[in-house]
Amino acid sequence: MWCIYLLFALFLIIYAILIVFAYGIKTCVRIDSSNLSVCVKVFIFDWIEVLCFKIFVCNQQFYYQINKREIKTLELKKDEKDDKKAKKKKKINVLSFAYYIIDKMPKIRIINPTIEYGADIEDIKNRALFDGGVSVIVNSGVGMLFDKLDAINLSVKNISDTSTFRGAYLEGTIKFSLIKIFLYFLHIITVKKRFQKA
């Protein structure tokens, strides 16, 4: 009898995962230049927040927070034991490994990617030049990554007139490309040993 319950539970889990993939996972990145902060949020079904990561600067010190847990300082602690372990670890050929990672990266489809930005530029001429520069950078980036990135209905907008926000806001939904990303990371983990130096 327990086998039936186990199979039914497995079926429900697979069904739930497929629904999430079909609907997509929305990711939002908010970069605020006024207080030097970055916030990354991940949603399922557009409104259920499953992850929130914040990093910001206060009194010349970096702080971070994951979801609504305690705010912690970003510190690098090194012990003598850690240094010895680091020496024993095999080094990785970084350039070769980075080239392999980029070369083997799968094509990711992002649905309705949005880039909104705000800047303190009052002069109309300078604002037009700034908007043109942003448009060139975004379109050039998408063009260069045409075989790695498929941005459907890309929207780039300057919100300086309608908002006091100064920075950049990025949003997009990833659907079945999540399977590609998951399998890609598994592959990268398995081939990492090939690039380790003796």
Protein backbone atom coordinates (compact mmCIF):
# COMPACT_ATOMS: atom_id res chain seq x y z
CA MET A 1 0.00 0.00 0.00
CA TRP A 2 2.83 2.39 0.84
CA CYS A 3 4.16 1.96 -2.72
CA ILE A 4 0.93 3.47 -4.09
CA TYR A 5 1.23 6.46 -1.76
CA LEU A 6 4.88 6.90 -2.72
CA LEU A 7 4.09 6.79 -6.45
CA PHE A 8 1.19 9.20 -5.99
CA ALA A 9 3.42 11.64 -4.04
CA LEU A 10 6.11 11.37 -6.74
CA PHE A 11 3.51 12.02 -9.42
CA LEU A 12 2.26 15.13 -7.56
CA ILE A 13 5.82 16.47 -7.18
CA ILE A 14 6.58 15.99 -10.89
CA TYR A 15 3.23 17.54 -11.82
CA ALA A 16 3.89 20.58 -9.59
CA ILE A 17 7.39 21.05 -11.07
CA LEU A 18 6.02 20.87 -14.63
CA ILE A 19 3.35 23.46 -13.81
CA VAL A 20 6.01 25.81 -12.40
CA PHE A 21 8.17 25.32 -15.50
CA ALA A 22 5.19 25.87 -17.81
CA TYR A 23 4.16 29.04 -16.00
CA GLY A 24 7.73 30.24 -15.56
CA ILE A 25 9.87 31.71 -12.82
CA LYS A 26 10.06 35.50 -12.75
CA THR A 27 13.31 37.12 -11.66
CA CYS A 28 13.62 40.79 -10.69
CA VAL A 29 16.90 42.62 -10.12
CA ARG A 30 16.89 46.15 -8.64
CA ILE A 31 20.13 48.13 -8.64
CA ASP A 32 19.82 51.39 -6.70
CA SER A 33 22.65 53.87 -7.27
CA SER A 34 21.48 56.27 -4.54
CA ASN A 35 22.23 53.86 -1.66
CA LEU A 36 24.49 51.37 -3.49
CA SER A 37 22.17 48.40 -3.05
CA VAL A 38 21.26 45.35 -5.12
CA CYS A 39 18.11 43.31 -4.58
CA VAL A 40 17.32 40.04 -6.37
CA LYS A 41 13.86 38.48 -6.08
CA VAL A 42 12.54 35.23 -7.54
CA PHE A 43 8.80 34.58 -7.92
CA ILE A 44 6.67 31.65 -9.01
CA PHE A 45 3.23 32.33 -10.50
CA ASP A 46 4.22 36.04 -10.62
CA TRP A 47 3.37 36.69 -6.97
CA ILE A 48 4.74 33.95 -4.70
CA GLU A 49 8.18 35.12 -3.57
CA VAL A 50 10.53 32.17 -3.08
CA LEU A 51 13.82 34.04 -2.77
CA CYS A 52 14.92 37.55 -1.86
CA PHE A 53 18.60 38.46 -1.64
CA LYS A 54 19.73 41.98 -0.70
CA ILE A 55 23.19 43.46 -0.48
CA PHE A 56 23.85 47.08 0.46
CA VAL A 57 26.43 49.48 1.84
CA CYS A 58 26.10 51.33 5.15
CA ASN A 59 28.88 53.26 6.92
CA GLN A 60 31.45 51.89 4.44
CA GLN A 61 30.50 48.31 5.32
CA PHE A 62 28.76 45.72 3.13
CA TYR A 63 25.67 43.99 4.54
CA TYR A 64 23.45 41.25 3.12
CA GLN A 65 20.11 39.63 3.88
CA ILE A 66 18.53 36.44 2.55
CA ASN A 67 14.71 36.48 2.58
CA LYS A 68 13.67 38.09 5.89
CA ARG A 69 16.42 36.63 8.01
CA GLU A 70 18.86 38.58 10.14
CA ILE A 71 20.99 41.21 8.36
CA LYS A 72 24.64 40.15 8.39
CA THR A 73 27.91 41.83 7.51
CA LEU A 74 29.96 40.61 4.59
CA GLU A 75 33.27 39.55 6.09
CA LEU A 76 36.13 37.40 4.93
CA LYS A 77 37.52 35.29 7.76
CA LYS A 78 40.68 33.31 7.22
CA ASP A 79 42.17 30.85 9.65
CA GLU A 80 45.48 29.06 9.45
CA LYS A 81 43.64 25.78 8.91
CA ASP A 82 41.74 27.25 5.97
CA ASP A 83 45.00 28.50 4.44
CA LYS A 84 46.52 25.02 4.71
CA LYS A 85 43.45 23.47 3.13
CA ALA A 86 43.55 26.02 0.32
CA LYS A 87 47.16 25.12 -0.41
CA LYS A 88 46.30 21.43 -0.57
CA LYS A 89 43.42 22.03 -2.98
CA LYS A 90 44.19 21.68 -6.65
CA LYS A 91 44.14 24.91 -8.63
CA ILE A 92 41.85 25.36 -11.62
CA ASN A 93 42.95 26.66 -15.02
CA VAL A 94 40.58 29.65 -14.84
CA LEU A 95 40.82 30.88 -18.46
CA SER A 96 40.24 27.45 -20.02
CA PHE A 97 37.41 26.70 -17.60
CA ALA A 98 35.76 30.10 -18.23
CA TYR A 99 35.98 29.59 -22.02
CA TYR A 100 34.43 26.12 -21.69
CA ILE A 101 31.61 27.47 -19.49
CA ILE A 102 30.74 30.21 -22.01
CA ASP A 103 31.11 27.92 -25.03
CA LYS A 104 28.85 25.20 -23.62
CA MET A 105 26.22 27.59 -22.24
CA PRO A 106 22.76 26.62 -23.56
CA LYS A 107 20.43 29.05 -25.33
CA ILE A 108 18.13 30.58 -22.73
CA ARG A 109 14.75 32.05 -23.64
CA ILE A 110 13.59 34.99 -21.52
CA ILE A 111 9.94 36.00 -21.86
CA ASN A 112 9.05 39.73 -21.71
CA PRO A 113 12.40 41.01 -20.43
CA THR A 114 12.08 44.57 -19.12
CA ILE A 115 14.83 47.07 -18.39
CA GLU A 116 13.79 50.27 -16.65
CA TYR A 117 16.32 52.87 -15.56
CA GLY A 118 16.44 56.30 -14.01
CA ALA A 119 19.20 58.91 -14.01
CA ASP A 120 19.65 62.50 -12.81
CA ILE A 121 19.95 64.12 -16.22
CA GLU A 122 17.84 67.24 -16.67
CA ASP A 123 19.24 68.51 -19.96
CA ILE A 124 17.16 67.15 -22.86
CA LYS A 125 20.17 66.80 -25.17
CA ASN A 126 22.23 64.88 -22.60
CA ARG A 127 19.25 62.68 -21.74
CA ALA A 128 18.74 61.82 -25.41
CA LEU A 129 22.42 60.89 -25.70
CA PHE A 130 22.20 58.80 -22.53
CA ASP A 131 19.06 56.98 -23.77
CA GLY A 132 20.76 56.33 -27.10
CA GLY A 133 23.83 54.95 -25.36
CA VAL A 134 21.73 52.61 -23.19
CA SER A 135 19.80 51.41 -26.25
CA VAL A 136 23.03 50.72 -28.16
CA ILE A 137 24.58 48.81 -25.23
CA VAL A 138 21.45 46.67 -24.64
CA ASN A 139 20.85 45.86 -28.32
CA SER A 140 24.56 45.18 -28.93
CA GLY A 141 24.62 42.82 -25.94
CA VAL A 142 21.54 40.96 -27.18
CA GLY A 143 23.03 40.80 -30.69
CA MET A 144 26.36 39.44 -29.45
CA LEU A 145 24.59 36.78 -27.38
CA PHE A 146 22.09 35.81 -30.11
CA ASP A 147 23.13 32.15 -29.93
CA LYS A 148 22.96 32.11 -26.10
CA LEU A 149 20.04 34.42 -25.32
CA ASP A 150 16.59 34.73 -26.85
CA ALA A 151 14.88 37.87 -25.48
CA ILE A 152 11.21 37.86 -26.50
CA ASN A 153 9.42 41.26 -26.42
CA LEU A 154 12.40 43.15 -24.95
CA SER A 155 11.40 46.51 -23.45
CA VAL A 156 13.84 49.28 -22.50
CA LYS A 157 12.39 52.37 -20.80
CA ASN A 158 13.64 55.52 -19.07
CA ILE A 159 11.50 56.19 -15.97
CA SER A 160 13.29 59.34 -14.78
CA ASP A 161 10.18 61.52 -15.36
CA THR A 162 7.72 59.24 -13.58
CA SER A 163 9.83 57.98 -10.66
CA THR A 164 12.43 59.22 -8.18
CA PHE A 165 14.26 55.90 -8.49
CA ARG A 166 17.84 56.24 -9.72
CA GLY A 167 19.35 53.03 -10.94
CA ALA A 168 18.26 50.05 -13.02
CA TYR A 169 15.42 47.55 -12.72
CA LEU A 170 15.53 44.29 -14.68
CA GLU A 171 12.75 41.75 -14.92
CA GLY A 172 12.09 38.64 -16.98
CA THR A 173 10.45 35.22 -16.93
CA ILE A 174 12.23 31.95 -17.63
CA LYS A 175 10.11 28.91 -18.49
CA PHE A 176 11.34 25.53 -19.75
CA SER A 177 14.86 26.94 -20.18
CA LEU A 178 15.18 26.21 -16.45
CA ILE A 179 15.65 22.53 -17.34
CA LYS A 180 18.54 23.49 -19.66
CA ILE A 181 20.09 25.66 -16.93
CA PHE A 182 19.82 22.85 -14.34
CA LEU A 183 21.38 20.24 -16.65
CA TYR A 184 24.07 22.74 -17.70
CA PHE A 185 25.14 23.35 -14.09
CA LEU A 186 25.26 19.60 -13.44
CA HIS A 187 27.48 19.19 -16.50
CA ILE A 188 29.81 22.02 -15.40
CA ILE A 189 30.20 20.44 -11.94
CA THR A 190 31.08 17.04 -13.44
CA VAL A 191 33.72 18.40 -15.89
CA LYS A 192 35.38 20.74 -13.39
CA LYS A 193 38.06 18.14 -12.58
CA ARG A 194 39.32 18.23 -16.17
CA PHE A 195 40.58 21.80 -15.66
CA GLN A 196 42.35 21.21 -12.36
CA LYS A 197 46.10 21.59 -12.36
CA ALA A 198 48.28 18.95 -10.75
